[in-house]
Amino acid sequence: METKIVNNGLKDLTAVKASDGKVLRRVGTDEIYGNEVVLGYSYYTNGEKLAEPHLDSIEDFEEVDAPQEEVEQ
């Protein structure tokens, strides 16, 4: 997992990128976010609105093996 600073035109933000063959999963909810996440405020978790927005941190995500796509035959 690596981090980098990206700019959205207004301010610098932290982006987290998973290693090759891995994806990022939110700890505690098992939601898969893909191979890159720009950290910011989360207003929903698991489809439910949070009482207060949560400021994401690197610790909120973990790297897991990317799911294998099923091939139709």
N, C-alpha and C. Protein backbone atom coordinates (compact mmCIF):
# COMPACT_ATOMS: atom_id res chain seq x y z
N MET A 1 0.87 -1.16 0.00
CA MET A 1 0.00 0.00 0.00
C MET A 1 0.91 1.22 0.00
N GLU A 2 0.56 2.22 -0.79
CA GLU A 2 1.33 3.46 -0.82
C GLU A 2 0.40 4.64 -0.74
N THR A 3 0.93 5.75 -0.26
CA THR A 3 0.14 6.98 -0.18
C THR A 3 0.80 8.04 -1.05
N LYS A 4 -0.02 8.97 -1.51
CA LYS A 4 0.48 10.11 -2.27
C LYS A 4 -0.45 11.29 -2.03
N ILE A 5 0.05 12.46 -2.30
CA ILE A 5 -0.75 13.68 -2.16
C ILE A 5 -1.28 14.05 -3.54
N VAL A 6 -2.59 14.29 -3.63
CA VAL A 6 -3.22 14.74 -4.87
C VAL A 6 -3.91 16.07 -4.57
N ASN A 7 -4.11 16.87 -5.60
CA ASN A 7 -4.77 18.16 -5.42
C ASN A 7 -6.04 18.16 -6.25
N ASN A 8 -7.17 18.50 -5.63
CA ASN A 8 -8.45 18.53 -6.32
C ASN A 8 -8.78 19.90 -6.91
N GLY A 9 -7.79 20.79 -6.94
CA GLY A 9 -8.01 22.13 -7.44
C GLY A 9 -8.26 23.13 -6.34
N LEU A 10 -8.57 22.62 -5.15
CA LEU A 10 -8.82 23.49 -4.00
C LEU A 10 -7.82 23.26 -2.88
N LYS A 11 -7.47 21.98 -2.67
CA LYS A 11 -6.56 21.67 -1.57
C LYS A 11 -5.89 20.32 -1.83
N ASP A 12 -4.83 20.06 -1.07
CA ASP A 12 -4.14 18.79 -1.15
C ASP A 12 -4.89 17.74 -0.34
N LEU A 13 -4.99 16.54 -0.90
CA LEU A 13 -5.66 15.42 -0.24
C LEU A 13 -4.74 14.22 -0.28
N THR A 14 -4.93 13.29 0.62
CA THR A 14 -4.15 12.07 0.65
C THR A 14 -4.89 10.96 -0.09
N ALA A 15 -4.19 10.30 -1.00
CA ALA A 15 -4.74 9.15 -1.72
C ALA A 15 -3.98 7.91 -1.28
N VAL A 16 -4.69 6.81 -1.15
CA VAL A 16 -4.10 5.53 -0.78
C VAL A 16 -4.28 4.58 -1.95
N LYS A 17 -3.19 3.94 -2.37
CA LYS A 17 -3.25 3.02 -3.51
C LYS A 17 -2.80 1.64 -3.06
N ALA A 18 -3.58 0.62 -3.46
CA ALA A 18 -3.25 -0.76 -3.11
C ALA A 18 -2.15 -1.28 -4.02
N SER A 19 -1.43 -2.28 -3.55
CA SER A 19 -0.40 -2.94 -4.34
C SER A 19 -1.04 -3.70 -5.50
N ASP A 20 -0.23 -4.11 -6.46
CA ASP A 20 -0.74 -4.89 -7.59
C ASP A 20 -1.42 -6.16 -7.11
N GLY A 21 -2.59 -6.45 -7.70
CA GLY A 21 -3.35 -7.64 -7.33
C GLY A 21 -4.13 -7.52 -6.05
N LYS A 22 -4.14 -6.33 -5.46
CA LYS A 22 -4.85 -6.09 -4.19
C LYS A 22 -5.91 -5.02 -4.39
N VAL A 23 -6.86 -4.95 -3.47
CA VAL A 23 -7.86 -3.88 -3.41
C VAL A 23 -7.93 -3.38 -1.98
N LEU A 24 -8.55 -2.24 -1.79
CA LEU A 24 -8.71 -1.67 -0.45
C LEU A 24 -10.10 -2.00 0.08
N ARG A 25 -10.14 -2.46 1.32
CA ARG A 25 -11.40 -2.81 1.97
C ARG A 25 -11.48 -2.01 3.26
N ARG A 26 -12.68 -1.46 3.54
CA ARG A 26 -12.88 -0.72 4.79
C ARG A 26 -12.91 -1.70 5.96
N VAL A 27 -12.09 -1.43 6.95
CA VAL A 27 -12.03 -2.27 8.15
C VAL A 27 -13.37 -2.16 8.89
N GLY A 28 -13.90 -3.28 9.28
CA GLY A 28 -15.13 -3.28 10.07
C GLY A 28 -16.40 -3.47 9.27
N THR A 29 -16.39 -3.07 7.98
CA THR A 29 -17.62 -3.22 7.19
C THR A 29 -17.44 -4.15 6.00
N ASP A 30 -16.19 -4.45 5.65
CA ASP A 30 -15.86 -5.31 4.50
C ASP A 30 -16.28 -4.74 3.15
N GLU A 31 -16.56 -3.44 3.08
CA GLU A 31 -16.87 -2.80 1.80
C GLU A 31 -15.59 -2.70 0.98
N ILE A 32 -15.65 -3.12 -0.29
CA ILE A 32 -14.51 -3.04 -1.19
C ILE A 32 -14.56 -1.69 -1.90
N TYR A 33 -13.42 -0.98 -1.91
CA TYR A 33 -13.35 0.35 -2.51
C TYR A 33 -12.51 0.40 -3.77
N GLY A 34 -11.99 -0.72 -4.23
CA GLY A 34 -11.16 -0.73 -5.42
C GLY A 34 -9.69 -0.57 -5.08
N ASN A 35 -8.88 -0.18 -6.08
CA ASN A 35 -7.44 -0.15 -5.82
C ASN A 35 -6.92 1.21 -5.38
N GLU A 36 -7.78 2.25 -5.38
CA GLU A 36 -7.32 3.56 -4.91
C GLU A 36 -8.47 4.32 -4.24
N VAL A 37 -8.14 4.98 -3.13
CA VAL A 37 -9.12 5.76 -2.38
C VAL A 37 -8.50 7.11 -2.04
N VAL A 38 -9.26 8.19 -2.27
CA VAL A 38 -8.84 9.53 -1.83
C VAL A 38 -9.55 9.76 -0.49
N LEU A 39 -8.76 9.99 0.55
CA LEU A 39 -9.32 10.13 1.89
C LEU A 39 -10.06 11.46 2.03
N GLY A 40 -11.18 11.40 2.69
CA GLY A 40 -12.00 12.59 2.94
C GLY A 40 -13.05 12.21 3.97
N TYR A 41 -14.17 12.90 3.95
CA TYR A 41 -15.26 12.60 4.87
C TYR A 41 -16.18 11.55 4.27
N SER A 42 -16.57 10.58 5.08
CA SER A 42 -17.58 9.59 4.70
C SER A 42 -18.88 9.97 5.40
N TYR A 43 -19.92 10.04 4.62
CA TYR A 43 -21.24 10.39 5.15
C TYR A 43 -22.12 9.15 5.30
N TYR A 44 -21.75 8.07 4.60
CA TYR A 44 -22.49 6.81 4.65
C TYR A 44 -21.50 5.68 4.84
N THR A 45 -21.89 4.66 5.60
CA THR A 45 -21.12 3.44 5.73
C THR A 45 -22.10 2.28 5.66
N ASN A 46 -21.78 1.30 4.80
CA ASN A 46 -22.67 0.16 4.59
C ASN A 46 -24.07 0.60 4.17
N GLY A 47 -24.16 1.69 3.43
CA GLY A 47 -25.44 2.17 2.93
C GLY A 47 -26.27 2.93 3.95
N GLU A 48 -25.74 3.12 5.14
CA GLU A 48 -26.49 3.83 6.18
C GLU A 48 -25.84 5.18 6.46
N LYS A 49 -26.68 6.22 6.57
CA LYS A 49 -26.17 7.55 6.84
C LYS A 49 -25.64 7.62 8.27
N LEU A 50 -24.45 8.19 8.41
CA LEU A 50 -23.84 8.35 9.73
C LEU A 50 -24.42 9.57 10.44
N ALA A 51 -24.51 9.51 11.76
CA ALA A 51 -25.01 10.65 12.54
C ALA A 51 -24.08 11.85 12.35
N GLU A 52 -22.78 11.60 12.31
CA GLU A 52 -21.78 12.64 12.06
C GLU A 52 -20.83 12.14 10.99
N PRO A 53 -20.41 12.97 10.05
CA PRO A 53 -19.45 12.54 9.04
C PRO A 53 -18.16 12.05 9.70
N HIS A 54 -17.56 11.03 9.09
CA HIS A 54 -16.33 10.44 9.62
C HIS A 54 -15.17 10.84 8.71
N LEU A 55 -14.11 11.41 9.27
CA LEU A 55 -12.92 11.76 8.50
C LEU A 55 -12.07 10.50 8.36
N ASP A 56 -12.00 9.98 7.13
CA ASP A 56 -11.27 8.74 6.87
C ASP A 56 -9.79 8.92 7.12
N SER A 57 -9.15 7.83 7.54
CA SER A 57 -7.70 7.79 7.71
C SER A 57 -7.18 6.50 7.08
N ILE A 58 -5.89 6.41 6.94
CA ILE A 58 -5.29 5.21 6.36
C ILE A 58 -5.68 3.97 7.16
N GLU A 59 -5.80 4.11 8.46
CA GLU A 59 -6.13 2.98 9.32
C GLU A 59 -7.53 2.43 9.08
N ASP A 60 -8.39 3.18 8.39
CA ASP A 60 -9.74 2.72 8.09
C ASP A 60 -9.78 1.69 6.97
N PHE A 61 -8.64 1.48 6.29
CA PHE A 61 -8.60 0.60 5.13
C PHE A 61 -7.49 -0.42 5.27
N GLU A 62 -7.73 -1.60 4.67
CA GLU A 62 -6.73 -2.64 4.64
C GLU A 62 -6.65 -3.20 3.22
N GLU A 63 -5.48 -3.73 2.87
CA GLU A 63 -5.28 -4.36 1.57
C GLU A 63 -5.70 -5.82 1.66
N VAL A 64 -6.46 -6.26 0.66
CA VAL A 64 -6.84 -7.67 0.56
C VAL A 64 -6.65 -8.09 -0.89
N ASP A 65 -6.57 -9.39 -1.13
CA ASP A 65 -6.44 -9.88 -2.49
C ASP A 65 -7.66 -9.47 -3.31
N ALA A 66 -7.40 -9.06 -4.55
CA ALA A 66 -8.49 -8.66 -5.44
C ALA A 66 -9.37 -9.88 -5.73
N PRO A 67 -10.69 -9.70 -5.73
CA PRO A 67 -11.57 -10.83 -6.03
C PRO A 67 -11.35 -11.30 -7.47
N GLN A 68 -11.41 -12.60 -7.66
CA GLN A 68 -11.27 -13.19 -8.99
C GLN A 68 -12.61 -13.08 -9.71
N GLU A 69 -12.57 -12.55 -10.93
CA GLU A 69 -13.79 -12.42 -11.72
C GLU A 69 -14.13 -13.77 -12.34
N GLU A 70 -15.41 -14.11 -12.27
CA GLU A 70 -15.85 -15.38 -12.86
C GLU A 70 -15.98 -15.21 -14.36
N VAL A 71 -15.53 -16.21 -15.09
CA VAL A 71 -15.59 -16.19 -16.54
C VAL A 71 -16.72 -17.11 -16.98
N GLU A 72 -17.65 -16.55 -17.80
CA GLU A 72 -18.77 -17.37 -18.29
C GLU A 72 -18.27 -18.25 -19.43
N GLN A 73 -18.77 -19.47 -19.45
CA GLN A 73 -18.39 -20.39 -20.54
C GLN A 73 -19.58 -20.85 -21.29
